[in-house]
Amino acid sequence: MDTANNDQGTDLGKVIDINRIIQMIPHRYPFLMVDRVVQVVANESAVGIKNVTINEPFFQGHFPSRPVFPGVLIIESMAQTAAVLVVETLGESAEGKLVYFMSVENCRFRRPVGPGDQLMIHVFKERSRGNVWKFRGEAKVDGVLVAEATYAAMILDEK
């Protein structure tokens, strides 16, 4: 994993590729909704990327004449990016644990997302108590906000 720095020398956190993401979270194709994490600052924030391609199976029916990336999958992309943040914060003992949504609040979809778009998923930890974490997430395409939500999740062992 690489550490990226901006011009001022401020640590922007680690870059996590798809191979490492697969080690960290249990999601797999066709439900793996984050391709790379380009910035993660443990216990604070992360920025994930979801490349939206026409090959994805849901586009056959959502919608055949105007493919739209389902809003619930944008929220799922936020949750998976947050899961990478949790594992980065808690360490290897958290790898592969399941993350269950507890709530989604203040969710807003601002514009449709379609094939060829690249979602930049910004997640911010608001708080954590035990195995319950709360996040604020924003999804952007070309710097334009397309969706936002606040959500809580519980992290549990797979058993």
N, C-alpha and C. Protein backbone atom coordinates (compact mmCIF):
# COMPACT_ATOMS: atom_id res chain seq x y z
N MET A 1 0.84 -1.19 0.00
CA MET A 1 0.00 0.00 0.00
C MET A 1 0.87 1.24 0.00
N ASP A 2 0.45 2.20 -0.75
CA ASP A 2 1.20 3.43 -0.88
C ASP A 2 0.58 4.52 -0.02
N THR A 3 1.40 5.43 0.41
CA THR A 3 0.89 6.62 1.08
C THR A 3 1.01 7.78 0.12
N ALA A 4 -0.09 8.50 -0.06
CA ALA A 4 -0.10 9.63 -0.98
C ALA A 4 0.05 10.92 -0.19
N ASN A 5 0.69 11.89 -0.79
CA ASN A 5 0.85 13.19 -0.15
C ASN A 5 0.44 14.27 -1.13
N ASN A 6 -0.13 15.35 -0.61
CA ASN A 6 -0.45 16.48 -1.49
C ASN A 6 0.71 17.46 -1.47
N ASP A 7 0.56 18.58 -2.16
CA ASP A 7 1.66 19.54 -2.29
C ASP A 7 2.13 20.12 -0.96
N GLN A 8 1.24 20.17 0.03
CA GLN A 8 1.61 20.73 1.33
C GLN A 8 2.27 19.70 2.24
N GLY A 9 2.35 18.43 1.77
CA GLY A 9 2.97 17.41 2.59
C GLY A 9 2.02 16.79 3.59
N THR A 10 0.73 17.10 3.53
CA THR A 10 -0.25 16.54 4.45
C THR A 10 -0.53 15.10 4.06
N ASP A 11 -0.54 14.17 5.03
CA ASP A 11 -0.81 12.77 4.78
C ASP A 11 -2.26 12.61 4.35
N LEU A 12 -2.46 12.05 3.16
CA LEU A 12 -3.81 11.78 2.67
C LEU A 12 -4.22 10.34 2.93
N GLY A 13 -3.38 9.55 3.57
CA GLY A 13 -3.73 8.18 3.88
C GLY A 13 -3.28 7.20 2.82
N LYS A 14 -3.71 5.96 3.00
CA LYS A 14 -3.27 4.87 2.15
C LYS A 14 -4.16 4.70 0.93
N VAL A 15 -3.58 4.14 -0.12
CA VAL A 15 -4.32 3.72 -1.30
C VAL A 15 -4.46 2.20 -1.20
N ILE A 16 -5.68 1.70 -1.39
CA ILE A 16 -5.95 0.27 -1.24
C ILE A 16 -6.52 -0.24 -2.56
N ASP A 17 -5.84 -1.24 -3.16
CA ASP A 17 -6.29 -1.77 -4.44
C ASP A 17 -7.34 -2.86 -4.25
N ILE A 18 -7.90 -3.34 -5.36
CA ILE A 18 -8.99 -4.31 -5.32
C ILE A 18 -8.58 -5.62 -4.64
N ASN A 19 -7.33 -6.05 -4.83
CA ASN A 19 -6.89 -7.30 -4.20
C ASN A 19 -6.92 -7.20 -2.68
N ARG A 20 -6.51 -6.07 -2.17
CA ARG A 20 -6.54 -5.86 -0.72
C ARG A 20 -7.97 -5.68 -0.23
N ILE A 21 -8.81 -4.99 -1.00
CA ILE A 21 -10.23 -4.83 -0.61
C ILE A 21 -10.88 -6.19 -0.44
N ILE A 22 -10.60 -7.11 -1.36
CA ILE A 22 -11.18 -8.46 -1.29
C ILE A 22 -10.73 -9.18 -0.02
N GLN A 23 -9.53 -8.91 0.46
CA GLN A 23 -9.07 -9.48 1.73
C GLN A 23 -9.79 -8.84 2.92
N MET A 24 -10.14 -7.57 2.78
CA MET A 24 -10.67 -6.82 3.91
C MET A 24 -12.16 -7.02 4.13
N ILE A 25 -12.95 -7.08 3.05
CA ILE A 25 -14.40 -7.20 3.19
C ILE A 25 -14.89 -8.44 2.47
N PRO A 26 -16.01 -9.02 2.90
CA PRO A 26 -16.46 -10.30 2.35
C PRO A 26 -17.22 -10.20 1.02
N HIS A 27 -17.51 -9.03 0.52
CA HIS A 27 -18.31 -8.87 -0.69
C HIS A 27 -17.56 -9.38 -1.92
N ARG A 28 -18.31 -9.96 -2.87
CA ARG A 28 -17.74 -10.47 -4.11
C ARG A 28 -18.65 -10.11 -5.27
N TYR A 29 -18.10 -10.22 -6.49
CA TYR A 29 -18.88 -9.98 -7.68
C TYR A 29 -20.11 -10.90 -7.65
N PRO A 30 -21.27 -10.40 -8.02
CA PRO A 30 -21.55 -9.10 -8.62
C PRO A 30 -21.92 -8.02 -7.60
N PHE A 31 -21.63 -8.26 -6.32
CA PHE A 31 -22.06 -7.30 -5.31
C PHE A 31 -20.92 -6.54 -4.66
N LEU A 32 -19.73 -6.62 -5.22
CA LEU A 32 -18.62 -5.81 -4.74
C LEU A 32 -18.74 -4.45 -5.42
N MET A 33 -18.99 -3.40 -4.65
CA MET A 33 -19.34 -2.09 -5.19
C MET A 33 -18.27 -1.02 -4.95
N VAL A 34 -17.05 -1.44 -4.68
CA VAL A 34 -15.94 -0.49 -4.58
C VAL A 34 -14.73 -1.13 -5.26
N ASP A 35 -14.14 -0.40 -6.21
CA ASP A 35 -13.03 -0.93 -7.00
C ASP A 35 -11.67 -0.58 -6.43
N ARG A 36 -11.61 0.53 -5.72
CA ARG A 36 -10.34 1.00 -5.16
C ARG A 36 -10.65 2.03 -4.09
N VAL A 37 -9.80 2.09 -3.08
CA VAL A 37 -9.89 3.15 -2.08
C VAL A 37 -8.63 3.99 -2.26
N VAL A 38 -8.83 5.23 -2.67
CA VAL A 38 -7.69 6.09 -3.01
C VAL A 38 -7.20 6.90 -1.84
N GLN A 39 -7.97 6.89 -0.77
CA GLN A 39 -7.56 7.62 0.43
C GLN A 39 -8.27 6.99 1.61
N VAL A 40 -7.51 6.65 2.63
CA VAL A 40 -8.12 6.19 3.88
C VAL A 40 -7.27 6.71 5.03
N VAL A 41 -7.93 7.38 5.93
CA VAL A 41 -7.28 7.85 7.14
C VAL A 41 -7.98 7.12 8.29
N ALA A 42 -7.26 6.19 8.90
CA ALA A 42 -7.85 5.33 9.92
C ALA A 42 -8.62 6.14 10.96
N ASN A 43 -9.81 5.63 11.28
CA ASN A 43 -10.69 6.20 12.31
C ASN A 43 -11.26 7.56 11.93
N GLU A 44 -11.12 7.97 10.65
CA GLU A 44 -11.61 9.28 10.23
C GLU A 44 -12.43 9.24 8.95
N SER A 45 -11.79 8.89 7.82
CA SER A 45 -12.46 9.04 6.53
C SER A 45 -11.82 8.14 5.49
N ALA A 46 -12.56 7.99 4.38
CA ALA A 46 -12.04 7.25 3.23
C ALA A 46 -12.70 7.77 1.97
N VAL A 47 -12.00 7.57 0.85
CA VAL A 47 -12.54 7.91 -0.46
C VAL A 47 -12.38 6.67 -1.34
N GLY A 48 -13.51 6.14 -1.77
CA GLY A 48 -13.51 4.96 -2.64
C GLY A 48 -13.93 5.32 -4.04
N ILE A 49 -13.61 4.42 -4.97
CA ILE A 49 -14.00 4.59 -6.37
C ILE A 49 -14.83 3.39 -6.78
N LYS A 50 -15.95 3.67 -7.44
CA LYS A 50 -16.76 2.65 -8.11
C LYS A 50 -16.86 3.06 -9.56
N ASN A 51 -16.26 2.26 -10.44
CA ASN A 51 -16.36 2.48 -11.87
C ASN A 51 -17.64 1.82 -12.36
N VAL A 52 -18.55 2.60 -12.89
CA VAL A 52 -19.85 2.10 -13.33
C VAL A 52 -19.72 1.70 -14.80
N THR A 53 -19.95 0.42 -15.11
CA THR A 53 -19.80 -0.07 -16.48
C THR A 53 -21.10 -0.68 -16.98
N ILE A 54 -21.30 -0.64 -18.26
CA ILE A 54 -22.51 -1.19 -18.88
C ILE A 54 -22.59 -2.70 -18.71
N ASN A 55 -21.49 -3.37 -18.39
CA ASN A 55 -21.47 -4.83 -18.21
C ASN A 55 -22.22 -5.29 -16.97
N GLU A 56 -22.55 -4.41 -16.07
CA GLU A 56 -23.15 -4.83 -14.81
C GLU A 56 -24.55 -5.38 -15.04
N PRO A 57 -24.86 -6.52 -14.40
CA PRO A 57 -26.08 -7.25 -14.75
C PRO A 57 -27.39 -6.48 -14.52
N PHE A 58 -27.45 -5.58 -13.57
CA PHE A 58 -28.70 -4.88 -13.29
C PHE A 58 -29.11 -3.93 -14.40
N PHE A 59 -28.16 -3.51 -15.26
CA PHE A 59 -28.50 -2.59 -16.34
C PHE A 59 -29.45 -3.22 -17.37
N GLN A 60 -29.51 -4.55 -17.43
CA GLN A 60 -30.43 -5.21 -18.36
C GLN A 60 -31.88 -4.84 -18.06
N GLY A 61 -32.19 -4.63 -16.80
CA GLY A 61 -33.56 -4.32 -16.42
C GLY A 61 -33.75 -2.97 -15.76
N HIS A 62 -32.68 -2.21 -15.54
CA HIS A 62 -32.77 -0.94 -14.81
C HIS A 62 -32.05 0.16 -15.55
N PHE A 63 -32.44 0.69 -16.51
CA PHE A 63 -33.61 0.44 -17.35
C PHE A 63 -33.11 0.17 -18.75
N PRO A 64 -33.72 -0.74 -19.51
CA PRO A 64 -33.19 -1.09 -20.83
C PRO A 64 -33.01 0.10 -21.78
N SER A 65 -33.94 1.06 -21.75
CA SER A 65 -33.82 2.20 -22.66
C SER A 65 -32.99 3.34 -22.08
N ARG A 66 -32.76 3.35 -20.78
CA ARG A 66 -31.97 4.40 -20.11
C ARG A 66 -31.30 3.80 -18.89
N PRO A 67 -30.11 3.18 -19.05
CA PRO A 67 -29.47 2.52 -17.91
C PRO A 67 -29.17 3.50 -16.77
N VAL A 68 -29.64 3.15 -15.58
CA VAL A 68 -29.42 3.96 -14.39
C VAL A 68 -28.87 3.05 -13.28
N PHE A 69 -27.77 3.47 -12.69
CA PHE A 69 -27.19 2.74 -11.56
C PHE A 69 -28.15 2.88 -10.39
N PRO A 70 -28.64 1.77 -9.83
CA PRO A 70 -29.64 1.85 -8.75
C PRO A 70 -29.14 2.64 -7.53
N GLY A 71 -29.99 3.52 -7.02
CA GLY A 71 -29.64 4.33 -5.87
C GLY A 71 -29.24 3.51 -4.66
N VAL A 72 -29.92 2.39 -4.44
CA VAL A 72 -29.57 1.56 -3.29
C VAL A 72 -28.15 1.02 -3.41
N LEU A 73 -27.67 0.85 -4.65
CA LEU A 73 -26.30 0.38 -4.83
C LEU A 73 -25.28 1.50 -4.62
N ILE A 74 -25.71 2.74 -4.81
CA ILE A 74 -24.84 3.86 -4.45
C ILE A 74 -24.65 3.85 -2.93
N ILE A 75 -25.74 3.65 -2.20
CA ILE A 75 -25.65 3.57 -0.73
C ILE A 75 -24.80 2.37 -0.32
N GLU A 76 -24.96 1.24 -1.02
CA GLU A 76 -24.13 0.07 -0.74
C GLU A 76 -22.66 0.37 -1.00
N SER A 77 -22.35 1.14 -2.04
CA SER A 77 -20.96 1.54 -2.31
C SER A 77 -20.40 2.35 -1.14
N MET A 78 -21.25 3.23 -0.59
CA MET A 78 -20.83 4.00 0.59
C MET A 78 -20.54 3.06 1.76
N ALA A 79 -21.43 2.09 1.97
CA ALA A 79 -21.26 1.16 3.09
C ALA A 79 -19.99 0.32 2.93
N GLN A 80 -19.71 -0.14 1.73
CA GLN A 80 -18.51 -0.94 1.52
C GLN A 80 -17.24 -0.12 1.69
N THR A 81 -17.28 1.12 1.25
CA THR A 81 -16.13 2.01 1.47
C THR A 81 -15.93 2.22 2.97
N ALA A 82 -17.03 2.40 3.70
CA ALA A 82 -16.94 2.55 5.16
C ALA A 82 -16.41 1.27 5.80
N ALA A 83 -16.78 0.10 5.28
CA ALA A 83 -16.28 -1.16 5.82
C ALA A 83 -14.77 -1.25 5.68
N VAL A 84 -14.23 -0.78 4.56
CA VAL A 84 -12.77 -0.74 4.38
C VAL A 84 -12.16 0.18 5.43
N LEU A 85 -12.79 1.31 5.68
CA LEU A 85 -12.31 2.23 6.72
C LEU A 85 -12.31 1.56 8.09
N VAL A 86 -13.36 0.80 8.40
CA VAL A 86 -13.45 0.11 9.69
C VAL A 86 -12.30 -0.90 9.82
N VAL A 87 -12.07 -1.70 8.78
CA VAL A 87 -11.00 -2.69 8.84
C VAL A 87 -9.64 -2.00 8.97
N GLU A 88 -9.45 -0.93 8.23
CA GLU A 88 -8.19 -0.18 8.34
C GLU A 88 -8.00 0.36 9.75
N THR A 89 -9.10 0.73 10.40
CA THR A 89 -9.04 1.27 11.76
C THR A 89 -8.80 0.17 12.79
N LEU A 90 -9.52 -0.95 12.67
CA LEU A 90 -9.46 -2.00 13.67
C LEU A 90 -8.33 -3.00 13.44
N GLY A 91 -7.83 -3.08 12.22
CA GLY A 91 -6.73 -3.99 11.92
C GLY A 91 -7.21 -5.33 11.40
N GLU A 92 -6.25 -6.23 11.20
CA GLU A 92 -6.51 -7.52 10.57
C GLU A 92 -7.57 -8.35 11.27
N SER A 93 -7.76 -8.18 12.55
CA SER A 93 -8.77 -8.96 13.27
C SER A 93 -10.18 -8.67 12.77
N ALA A 94 -10.37 -7.55 12.08
CA ALA A 94 -11.69 -7.18 11.56
C ALA A 94 -11.89 -7.64 10.12
N GLU A 95 -10.85 -8.16 9.47
CA GLU A 95 -10.96 -8.56 8.06
C GLU A 95 -12.02 -9.63 7.88
N GLY A 96 -12.86 -9.46 6.86
CA GLY A 96 -13.86 -10.46 6.52
C GLY A 96 -15.11 -10.45 7.37
N LYS A 97 -15.17 -9.59 8.38
CA LYS A 97 -16.37 -9.54 9.21
C LYS A 97 -17.53 -8.96 8.40
N LEU A 98 -18.73 -9.33 8.79
CA LEU A 98 -19.92 -8.85 8.10
C LEU A 98 -20.35 -7.51 8.68
N VAL A 99 -20.86 -6.67 7.82
CA VAL A 99 -21.35 -5.35 8.21
C VAL A 99 -22.83 -5.30 7.86
N TYR A 100 -23.67 -5.09 8.86
CA TYR A 100 -25.11 -5.04 8.65
C TYR A 100 -25.60 -3.61 8.84
N PHE A 101 -26.38 -3.13 7.86
CA PHE A 101 -27.01 -1.83 8.01
C PHE A 101 -27.95 -1.85 9.21
N MET A 102 -27.95 -0.79 9.96
CA MET A 102 -28.91 -0.60 11.05
C MET A 102 -29.89 0.51 10.70
N SER A 103 -29.38 1.54 10.02
CA SER A 103 -30.25 2.64 9.62
C SER A 103 -29.62 3.40 8.47
N VAL A 104 -30.48 4.01 7.66
CA VAL A 104 -30.06 4.94 6.62
C VAL A 104 -30.96 6.16 6.79
N GLU A 105 -30.36 7.31 6.98
CA GLU A 105 -31.12 8.54 7.24
C GLU A 105 -30.70 9.63 6.27
N ASN A 106 -31.58 10.58 6.08
CA ASN A 106 -31.28 11.77 5.28
C ASN A 106 -30.68 11.43 3.92
N CYS A 107 -31.18 10.37 3.32
CA CYS A 107 -30.68 9.94 2.02
C CYS A 107 -31.30 10.81 0.93
N ARG A 108 -30.46 11.31 0.05
CA ARG A 108 -30.91 12.14 -1.06
C ARG A 108 -30.16 11.72 -2.32
N PHE A 109 -30.90 11.56 -3.41
CA PHE A 109 -30.32 11.28 -4.71
C PHE A 109 -30.48 12.54 -5.54
N ARG A 110 -29.39 13.08 -6.02
CA ARG A 110 -29.39 14.38 -6.69
C ARG A 110 -29.47 14.28 -8.21
N ARG A 111 -28.88 13.24 -8.79
CA ARG A 111 -28.96 13.06 -10.24
C ARG A 111 -28.63 11.61 -10.57
N PRO A 112 -29.12 11.11 -11.72
CA PRO A 112 -28.86 9.71 -12.09
C PRO A 112 -27.38 9.47 -12.38
N VAL A 113 -26.96 8.24 -12.14
CA VAL A 113 -25.61 7.77 -12.44
C VAL A 113 -25.76 6.67 -13.48
N GLY A 114 -24.91 6.69 -14.49
CA GLY A 114 -25.03 5.70 -15.56
C GLY A 114 -23.70 5.12 -15.97
N PRO A 115 -23.75 4.22 -16.94
CA PRO A 115 -22.52 3.60 -17.44
C PRO A 115 -21.53 4.66 -17.91
N GLY A 116 -20.27 4.43 -17.56
CA GLY A 116 -19.21 5.37 -17.91
C GLY A 116 -18.89 6.36 -16.80
N ASP A 117 -19.80 6.48 -15.83
CA ASP A 117 -19.54 7.38 -14.71
C ASP A 117 -18.58 6.72 -13.72
N GLN A 118 -17.82 7.54 -13.03
CA GLN A 118 -16.96 7.07 -11.95
C GLN A 118 -17.43 7.72 -10.67
N LEU A 119 -17.94 6.89 -9.75
CA LEU A 119 -18.37 7.40 -8.46
C LEU A 119 -17.16 7.60 -7.55
N MET A 120 -17.04 8.78 -6.99
CA MET A 120 -16.06 9.03 -5.94
C MET A 120 -16.87 9.04 -4.65
N ILE A 121 -16.60 8.08 -3.80
CA ILE A 121 -17.40 7.86 -2.61
C ILE A 121 -16.62 8.36 -1.40
N HIS A 122 -17.12 9.42 -0.79
CA HIS A 122 -16.48 10.03 0.37
C HIS A 122 -17.25 9.61 1.62
N VAL A 123 -16.56 8.94 2.56
CA VAL A 123 -17.21 8.55 3.80
C VAL A 123 -16.45 9.14 4.98
N PHE A 124 -17.22 9.55 5.98
CA PHE A 124 -16.68 10.19 7.17
C PHE A 124 -17.26 9.51 8.39
N LYS A 125 -16.40 9.04 9.26
CA LYS A 125 -16.88 8.44 10.52
C LYS A 125 -17.42 9.55 11.41
N GLU A 126 -18.65 9.38 11.86
CA GLU A 126 -19.22 10.34 12.81
C GLU A 126 -18.98 9.89 14.24
N ARG A 127 -19.15 8.58 14.48
CA ARG A 127 -18.87 8.04 15.82
C ARG A 127 -18.90 6.52 15.78
N SER A 128 -18.36 5.92 16.83
CA SER A 128 -18.45 4.46 16.99
C SER A 128 -18.52 4.15 18.47
N ARG A 129 -19.34 3.15 18.76
CA ARG A 129 -19.46 2.62 20.12
C ARG A 129 -19.52 1.11 20.01
N GLY A 130 -18.52 0.45 20.53
CA GLY A 130 -18.46 -1.01 20.41
C GLY A 130 -18.43 -1.41 18.96
N ASN A 131 -19.38 -2.27 18.56
CA ASN A 131 -19.39 -2.73 17.17
C ASN A 131 -20.37 -1.95 16.28
N VAL A 132 -20.88 -0.82 16.77
CA VAL A 132 -21.78 0.02 15.99
C VAL A 132 -21.05 1.29 15.56
N TRP A 133 -21.10 1.56 14.26
CA TRP A 133 -20.43 2.71 13.67
C TRP A 133 -21.44 3.55 12.91
N LYS A 134 -21.29 4.86 12.97
CA LYS A 134 -22.15 5.76 12.20
C LYS A 134 -21.28 6.59 11.27
N PHE A 135 -21.78 6.74 10.01
CA PHE A 135 -21.03 7.42 8.96
C PHE A 135 -21.90 8.44 8.24
N ARG A 136 -21.24 9.39 7.62
CA ARG A 136 -21.86 10.30 6.66
C ARG A 136 -21.17 10.02 5.34
N GLY A 137 -21.96 9.84 4.29
CA GLY A 137 -21.38 9.54 2.99
C GLY A 137 -21.88 10.47 1.90
N GLU A 138 -21.02 10.72 0.94
CA GLU A 138 -21.36 11.51 -0.25
C GLU A 138 -20.79 10.78 -1.46
N ALA A 139 -21.58 10.72 -2.52
CA ALA A 139 -21.10 10.16 -3.79
C ALA A 139 -21.09 11.28 -4.81
N LYS A 140 -19.99 11.38 -5.55
CA LYS A 140 -19.84 12.44 -6.55
C LYS A 140 -19.41 11.83 -7.88
N VAL A 141 -19.85 12.46 -8.96
CA VAL A 141 -19.40 12.14 -10.32
C VAL A 141 -18.87 13.44 -10.91
N ASP A 142 -17.64 13.44 -11.33
CA ASP A 142 -17.00 14.64 -11.88
C ASP A 142 -17.13 15.83 -10.94
N GLY A 143 -17.01 15.56 -9.64
CA GLY A 143 -17.06 16.62 -8.63
C GLY A 143 -18.46 17.09 -8.27
N VAL A 144 -19.48 16.53 -8.90
CA VAL A 144 -20.87 16.93 -8.64
C VAL A 144 -21.52 15.91 -7.71
N LEU A 145 -22.13 16.39 -6.64
CA LEU A 145 -22.81 15.53 -5.68
C LEU A 145 -23.99 14.83 -6.35
N VAL A 146 -24.01 13.49 -6.30
CA VAL A 146 -25.11 12.73 -6.88
C VAL A 146 -25.96 12.04 -5.82
N ALA A 147 -25.38 11.80 -4.64
CA ALA A 147 -26.14 11.16 -3.56
C ALA A 147 -25.44 11.43 -2.24
N GLU A 148 -26.23 11.41 -1.17
CA GLU A 148 -25.69 11.58 0.17
C GLU A 148 -26.58 10.86 1.17
N ALA A 149 -26.00 10.45 2.28
CA ALA A 149 -26.76 9.76 3.31
C ALA A 149 -25.94 9.71 4.60
N THR A 150 -26.65 9.52 5.68
CA THR A 150 -26.05 9.19 6.97
C THR A 150 -26.53 7.78 7.28
N TYR A 151 -25.64 6.93 7.75
CA TYR A 151 -26.03 5.54 7.98
C TYR A 151 -25.24 4.95 9.14
N ALA A 152 -25.85 3.94 9.75
CA ALA A 152 -25.22 3.22 10.84
C ALA A 152 -25.13 1.76 10.47
N ALA A 153 -24.08 1.11 10.95
CA ALA A 153 -23.86 -0.30 10.66
C ALA A 153 -23.29 -0.99 11.89
N MET A 154 -23.58 -2.28 11.96
CA MET A 154 -23.06 -3.11 13.04
C MET A 154 -22.08 -4.10 12.41
N ILE A 155 -20.91 -4.24 13.02
CA ILE A 155 -19.88 -5.13 12.52
C ILE A 155 -19.91 -6.40 13.37
N LEU A 156 -20.09 -7.56 12.71
CA LEU A 156 -20.22 -8.83 13.42
C LEU A 156 -19.34 -9.89 12.79
N ASP A 157 -19.00 -10.92 13.58
CA ASP A 157 -18.31 -12.08 13.02
C ASP A 157 -19.27 -12.81 12.10
N GLU A 158 -18.70 -13.54 11.14
CA GLU A 158 -19.51 -14.22 10.14
C GLU A 158 -20.37 -15.31 10.75
N LYS A 159 -19.98 -15.87 11.85
CA LYS A 159 -20.71 -17.00 12.46
C LYS A 159 -21.96 -16.59 13.17
